[in-house]
Amino acid sequence: PEPEEIAVESGSGWGTVAAVGLALAAIGGGAALIASSSDDDENNQDEVVVVPPEPEEPLVQPTAATETTSVQCLGDTVNFSFSASMNTDSGSVALSMSEFESSQEWDGDQNYYVSLGASESDCDSLLSRKEGLIMTLNNFVASSKAALGGKTSFTFRLIWDPPSTSTTPL
């Protein structure tokens, strides 16, 4: 933002300086230099008070990561963790395979869970595909309003659910 200039009438008294001070306080937090003139001023010109803008902190783009490398076809959950607090009213994950049903939800403001699964008949054909399941993070925004940076697309190897192994002693 540009510095703001406020004209102060020369030769004015404490009331004007106080009014300018209140105006600066209303603007919010900017440092100001208030030039005061004495009654002995010969020029009787307006003086300008310059209020420098507050420095803007650069927005740091958050990143997403997951430790998951494979998903079980019949049902699994993937956790995406973010490097910064996120706006939990934004973001969704798109799946590259429409056969999967999914539910998605936040846990706090730095963990996003995608639970997914496909039917057993769909899993037979899905497991024969070589490309894997791609999850793409869309429209995620940090609480600071910075857009998601870094990797936003993740590929997972599909695996068949491990067989249940129950042994009963004879």
Protein backbone atom coordinates (compact mmCIF):
# COMPACT_ATOMS: atom_id res chain seq x y z
CA PRO A 1 0.00 0.00 0.00
CA GLU A 2 1.02 3.57 -0.63
CA PRO A 3 1.89 5.93 2.24
CA GLU A 4 -1.06 8.01 3.32
CA GLU A 5 -0.69 11.78 3.56
CA ILE A 6 -2.68 13.88 5.97
CA ALA A 7 -2.55 17.68 5.71
CA VAL A 8 -2.14 19.58 8.96
CA GLU A 9 -2.89 23.28 8.88
CA SER A 10 0.11 25.33 9.88
CA GLY A 11 -0.15 27.26 13.07
CA SER A 12 -2.85 24.99 14.37
CA GLY A 13 -3.00 24.11 17.97
CA TRP A 14 -3.03 20.95 20.06
CA GLY A 15 -6.59 20.11 19.04
CA THR A 16 -5.63 19.57 15.40
CA VAL A 17 -2.59 17.48 16.31
CA ALA A 18 -4.77 15.36 18.61
CA ALA A 19 -7.36 14.95 15.82
CA VAL A 20 -4.60 13.85 13.43
CA GLY A 21 -3.36 11.43 16.08
CA LEU A 22 -6.83 9.94 16.42
CA ALA A 23 -7.10 9.67 12.64
CA LEU A 24 -3.79 7.80 12.56
CA ALA A 25 -4.99 5.47 15.29
CA ALA A 26 -8.13 4.77 13.25
CA ILE A 27 -5.97 3.97 10.20
CA GLY A 28 -4.28 1.37 12.31
CA GLY A 29 -0.83 0.83 13.59
CA GLY A 30 1.22 2.94 11.18
CA ALA A 31 4.08 5.00 12.51
CA ALA A 32 3.73 8.69 11.93
CA LEU A 33 5.79 11.82 12.09
CA ILE A 34 3.68 14.76 13.12
CA ALA A 35 5.27 18.08 12.28
CA SER A 36 4.25 20.79 14.67
CA SER A 37 4.47 24.44 13.77
CA SER A 38 4.71 27.31 16.11
CA ASP A 39 2.68 30.48 16.04
CA ASP A 40 5.81 32.23 14.76
CA ASP A 41 5.48 30.54 11.33
CA GLU A 42 5.90 33.08 8.58
CA ASN A 43 4.91 30.83 5.65
CA ASN A 44 1.57 29.75 7.15
CA GLN A 45 1.49 26.73 4.76
CA ASP A 46 0.01 23.32 5.32
CA GLU A 47 2.42 20.65 6.51
CA VAL A 48 2.08 17.01 5.49
CA VAL A 49 2.19 14.06 7.82
CA VAL A 50 3.29 10.85 6.05
CA VAL A 51 2.01 7.55 7.42
CA PRO A 52 4.09 4.71 5.99
CA PRO A 53 2.16 1.53 5.19
CA GLU A 54 2.50 -1.48 7.41
CA PRO A 55 4.95 -3.93 5.85
CA GLU A 56 3.22 -6.91 4.31
CA GLU A 57 4.62 -10.28 5.23
CA PRO A 58 5.22 -12.43 2.18
CA LEU A 59 2.73 -15.29 1.89
CA VAL A 60 4.43 -18.63 2.37
CA GLN A 61 2.82 -21.37 0.32
CA PRO A 62 1.95 -24.42 2.41
CA THR A 63 2.78 -27.89 1.15
CA ALA A 64 1.01 -31.23 1.47
CA ALA A 65 2.48 -34.66 2.14
CA THR A 66 1.35 -38.20 2.80
CA GLU A 67 3.20 -41.26 4.01
CA THR A 68 0.84 -43.59 2.17
CA THR A 69 2.15 -45.23 -1.01
CA SER A 70 -0.53 -47.85 -1.67
CA VAL A 71 -4.24 -48.17 -1.01
CA GLN A 72 -6.36 -51.24 -0.50
CA CYS A 73 -8.98 -51.47 -3.18
CA LEU A 74 -11.95 -52.51 -1.03
CA GLY A 75 -11.39 -49.75 1.49
CA ASP A 76 -8.66 -47.55 2.88
CA THR A 77 -7.95 -44.08 4.24
CA VAL A 78 -5.27 -41.64 3.11
CA ASN A 79 -4.14 -38.77 5.33
CA PHE A 80 -2.74 -35.61 3.74
CA SER A 81 -0.86 -33.45 6.22
CA PHE A 82 -0.21 -29.77 5.53
CA SER A 83 2.79 -27.67 6.57
CA ALA A 84 0.58 -24.78 7.75
CA SER A 85 -2.87 -24.14 9.16
CA MET A 86 -5.40 -24.42 6.36
CA ASN A 87 -8.80 -22.88 5.66
CA THR A 88 -11.06 -25.85 6.38
CA ASP A 89 -13.85 -24.39 4.24
CA SER A 90 -11.81 -24.97 1.09
CA GLY A 91 -10.23 -27.86 -0.72
CA SER A 92 -11.15 -31.26 -2.06
CA VAL A 93 -9.40 -34.28 -3.51
CA ALA A 94 -10.25 -35.57 -7.00
CA LEU A 95 -9.77 -39.28 -7.72
CA SER A 96 -8.60 -40.48 -11.12
CA MET A 97 -10.80 -43.59 -11.02
CA SER A 98 -14.54 -43.04 -10.88
CA GLU A 99 -15.16 -46.55 -9.55
CA PHE A 100 -14.09 -45.42 -6.10
CA GLU A 101 -16.51 -43.91 -3.66
CA SER A 102 -14.95 -41.53 -1.21
CA SER A 103 -15.67 -39.36 1.79
CA GLN A 104 -13.39 -36.51 2.72
CA GLU A 105 -13.01 -34.57 5.96
CA TRP A 106 -10.71 -32.36 7.98
CA ASP A 107 -9.23 -33.36 11.33
CA GLY A 108 -8.11 -30.03 12.78
CA ASP A 109 -6.68 -27.59 10.26
CA GLN A 110 -3.59 -29.51 9.11
CA ASN A 111 -4.87 -33.03 8.38
CA TYR A 112 -7.25 -33.96 5.59
CA TYR A 113 -8.55 -37.54 5.31
CA VAL A 114 -9.85 -39.28 2.22
CA SER A 115 -11.63 -42.58 2.90
CA LEU A 116 -12.29 -44.61 -0.19
CA GLY A 117 -13.34 -47.98 -1.44
CA ALA A 118 -14.60 -49.83 -4.48
CA SER A 119 -16.82 -52.85 -4.90
CA GLU A 120 -15.23 -56.28 -5.15
CA SER A 121 -16.24 -56.60 -8.82
CA ASP A 122 -14.69 -53.20 -9.61
CA CYS A 123 -11.51 -54.12 -7.75
CA ASP A 124 -10.87 -57.02 -10.12
CA SER A 125 -10.63 -54.65 -13.09
CA LEU A 126 -9.00 -51.78 -11.15
CA LEU A 127 -6.13 -53.96 -9.99
CA SER A 128 -5.28 -54.82 -13.59
CA ARG A 129 -4.63 -51.15 -14.40
CA LYS A 130 -1.00 -50.17 -14.31
CA GLU A 131 -1.34 -46.41 -13.74
CA GLY A 132 -2.43 -46.57 -10.10
CA LEU A 133 -4.89 -44.27 -8.39
CA ILE A 134 -4.07 -40.57 -8.69
CA MET A 135 -5.38 -38.16 -6.05
CA THR A 136 -5.24 -34.48 -6.94
CA LEU A 137 -5.57 -31.78 -4.29
CA ASN A 138 -7.75 -28.93 -5.55
CA ASN A 139 -8.46 -25.45 -4.15
CA PHE A 140 -6.67 -25.86 -0.81
CA VAL A 141 -5.86 -22.49 0.78
CA ALA A 142 -3.92 -21.69 3.95
CA SER A 143 -5.45 -19.64 6.75
CA SER A 144 -3.07 -16.90 5.58
CA LYS A 145 -4.85 -17.06 2.18
CA ALA A 146 -1.76 -18.50 0.45
CA ALA A 147 -2.51 -21.12 -2.20
CA LEU A 148 -1.12 -24.62 -1.85
CA GLY A 149 2.37 -24.95 -3.34
CA GLY A 150 4.58 -27.89 -4.16
CA LYS A 151 3.24 -31.30 -5.10
CA THR A 152 -0.55 -31.46 -5.49
CA SER A 153 -0.94 -34.79 -7.28
CA PHE A 154 -0.13 -38.14 -5.64
CA THR A 155 -0.13 -41.62 -7.20
CA PHE A 156 -0.98 -44.69 -5.13
CA ARG A 157 -0.42 -48.33 -6.00
CA LEU A 158 -3.63 -50.35 -5.70
CA ILE A 159 -3.45 -53.56 -3.71
CA TRP A 160 -5.96 -56.24 -2.91
CA ASP A 161 -7.08 -56.18 0.68
CA PRO A 162 -4.94 -58.56 2.68
CA PRO A 163 -6.75 -61.82 3.41
CA SER A 164 -7.94 -62.22 6.95
CA THR A 165 -5.85 -64.86 8.65
CA SER A 166 -7.62 -66.47 11.49
CA THR A 167 -6.46 -69.74 12.80
CA THR A 168 -8.42 -71.88 15.16
CA PRO A 169 -6.58 -74.45 17.18
CA LEU A 170 -7.67 -78.02 16.73
